[in-house]
Amino acid sequence: MGDWFSTVSYWHLTKCLKQN
């Protein structure tokens, strides 16, 4: 579950950076 959370966090961070 830890790895999943890390992956989602990284994906969300990248998504936010792309939108800005």
PDB file of N, CA and C in Angstrom:
ATOM      1  N   MET A   1       0.844  -1.203   0.000  1.00  0.00           N
ATOM      2  CA  MET A   1       0.000   0.000   0.000  1.00  0.00           C
ATOM      3  C   MET A   1       0.884   1.261   0.000  1.00  0.00           C
ATOM      4  N   GLY A   2       2.019   1.141   0.664  1.00  0.00           N
ATOM      5  CA  GLY A   2       2.941   2.278   0.708  1.00  0.00           C
ATOM      6  C   GLY A   2       3.407   2.666  -0.691  1.00  0.00           C
ATOM      7  N   ASP A   3       3.765   1.646  -1.502  1.00  0.00           N
ATOM      8  CA  ASP A   3       4.241   1.930  -2.856  1.00  0.00           C
ATOM      9  C   ASP A   3       3.136   2.576  -3.681  1.00  0.00           C
ATOM     10  N   TRP A   4       1.898   2.114  -3.486  1.00  0.00           N
ATOM     11  CA  TRP A   4       0.773   2.670  -4.247  1.00  0.00           C
ATOM     12  C   TRP A   4       0.590   4.143  -3.911  1.00  0.00           C
ATOM     13  N   PHE A   5       0.659   4.468  -2.628  1.00  0.00           N
ATOM     14  CA  PHE A   5       0.490   5.853  -2.200  1.00  0.00           C
ATOM     15  C   PHE A   5       1.588   6.726  -2.792  1.00  0.00           C
ATOM     16  N   SER A   6       2.818   6.220  -2.797  1.00  0.00           N
ATOM     17  CA  SER A   6       3.945   6.974  -3.342  1.00  0.00           C
ATOM     18  C   SER A   6       3.737   7.227  -4.834  1.00  0.00           C
ATOM     19  N   THR A   7       3.265   6.201  -5.541  1.00  0.00           N
ATOM     20  CA  THR A   7       3.042   6.337  -6.984  1.00  0.00           C
ATOM     21  C   THR A   7       1.964   7.376  -7.262  1.00  0.00           C
ATOM     22  N   VAL A   8       0.874   7.312  -6.524  1.00  0.00           N
ATOM     23  CA  VAL A   8      -0.225   8.258  -6.725  1.00  0.00           C
ATOM     24  C   VAL A   8       0.230   9.674  -6.381  1.00  0.00           C
ATOM     25  N   SER A   9       1.004   9.820  -5.321  1.00  0.00           N
ATOM     26  CA  SER A   9       1.479  11.138  -4.913  1.00  0.00           C
ATOM     27  C   SER A   9       2.343  11.746  -6.008  1.00  0.00           C
ATOM     28  N   TYR A  10       3.242  10.921  -6.577  1.00  0.00           N
ATOM     29  CA  TYR A  10       4.132  11.397  -7.641  1.00  0.00           C
ATOM     30  C   TYR A  10       3.320  11.764  -8.877  1.00  0.00           C
ATOM     31  N   TRP A  11       2.331  10.936  -9.207  1.00  0.00           N
ATOM     32  CA  TRP A  11       1.489  11.189 -10.386  1.00  0.00           C
ATOM     33  C   TRP A  11       0.702  12.491 -10.207  1.00  0.00           C
ATOM     34  N   HIS A  12       0.164  12.675  -8.994  1.00  0.00           N
ATOM     35  CA  HIS A  12      -0.608  13.879  -8.716  1.00  0.00           C
ATOM     36  C   HIS A  12       0.286  15.111  -8.808  1.00  0.00           C
ATOM     37  N   LEU A  13       1.519  14.991  -8.296  1.00  0.00           N
ATOM     38  CA  LEU A  13       2.449  16.117  -8.343  1.00  0.00           C
ATOM     39  C   LEU A  13       2.748  16.486  -9.782  1.00  0.00           C
ATOM     40  N   THR A  14       3.001  15.479 -10.614  1.00  0.00           N
ATOM     41  CA  THR A  14       3.308  15.725 -12.026  1.00  0.00           C
ATOM     42  C   THR A  14       2.113  16.365 -12.724  1.00  0.00           C
ATOM     43  N   LYS A  15       0.923  15.893 -12.412  1.00  0.00           N
ATOM     44  CA  LYS A  15      -0.290  16.426 -13.037  1.00  0.00           C
ATOM     45  C   LYS A  15      -0.450  17.907 -12.703  1.00  0.00           C
ATOM     46  N   CYS A  16      -0.215  18.257 -11.447  1.00  0.00           N
ATOM     47  CA  CYS A  16      -0.350  19.650 -11.024  1.00  0.00           C
ATOM     48  C   CYS A  16       0.675  20.517 -11.747  1.00  0.00           C
ATOM     49  N   LEU A  17       1.895  19.999 -11.876  1.00  0.00           N
ATOM     50  CA  LEU A  17       2.949  20.768 -12.534  1.00  0.00           C
ATOM     51  C   LEU A  17       2.594  21.007 -13.996  1.00  0.00           C
ATOM     52  N   LYS A  18       2.001  20.020 -14.643  1.00  0.00           N
ATOM     53  CA  LYS A  18       1.640  20.160 -16.054  1.00  0.00           C
ATOM     54  C   LYS A  18       0.517  21.186 -16.226  1.00  0.00           C
ATOM     55  N   GLN A  19      -0.412  21.239 -15.278  1.00  0.00           N
ATOM     56  CA  GLN A  19      -1.529  22.172 -15.393  1.00  0.00           C
ATOM     57  C   GLN A  19      -1.059  23.609 -15.205  1.00  0.00           C
ATOM     58  N   ASN A  20      -0.048  23.805 -14.372  1.00  0.00           N
ATOM     59  CA  ASN A  20       0.419  25.174 -14.110  1.00  0.00           C
ATOM     60  C   ASN A  20       1.312  25.660 -15.232  1.00  0.00           C
TER      61      ASN A  20
END
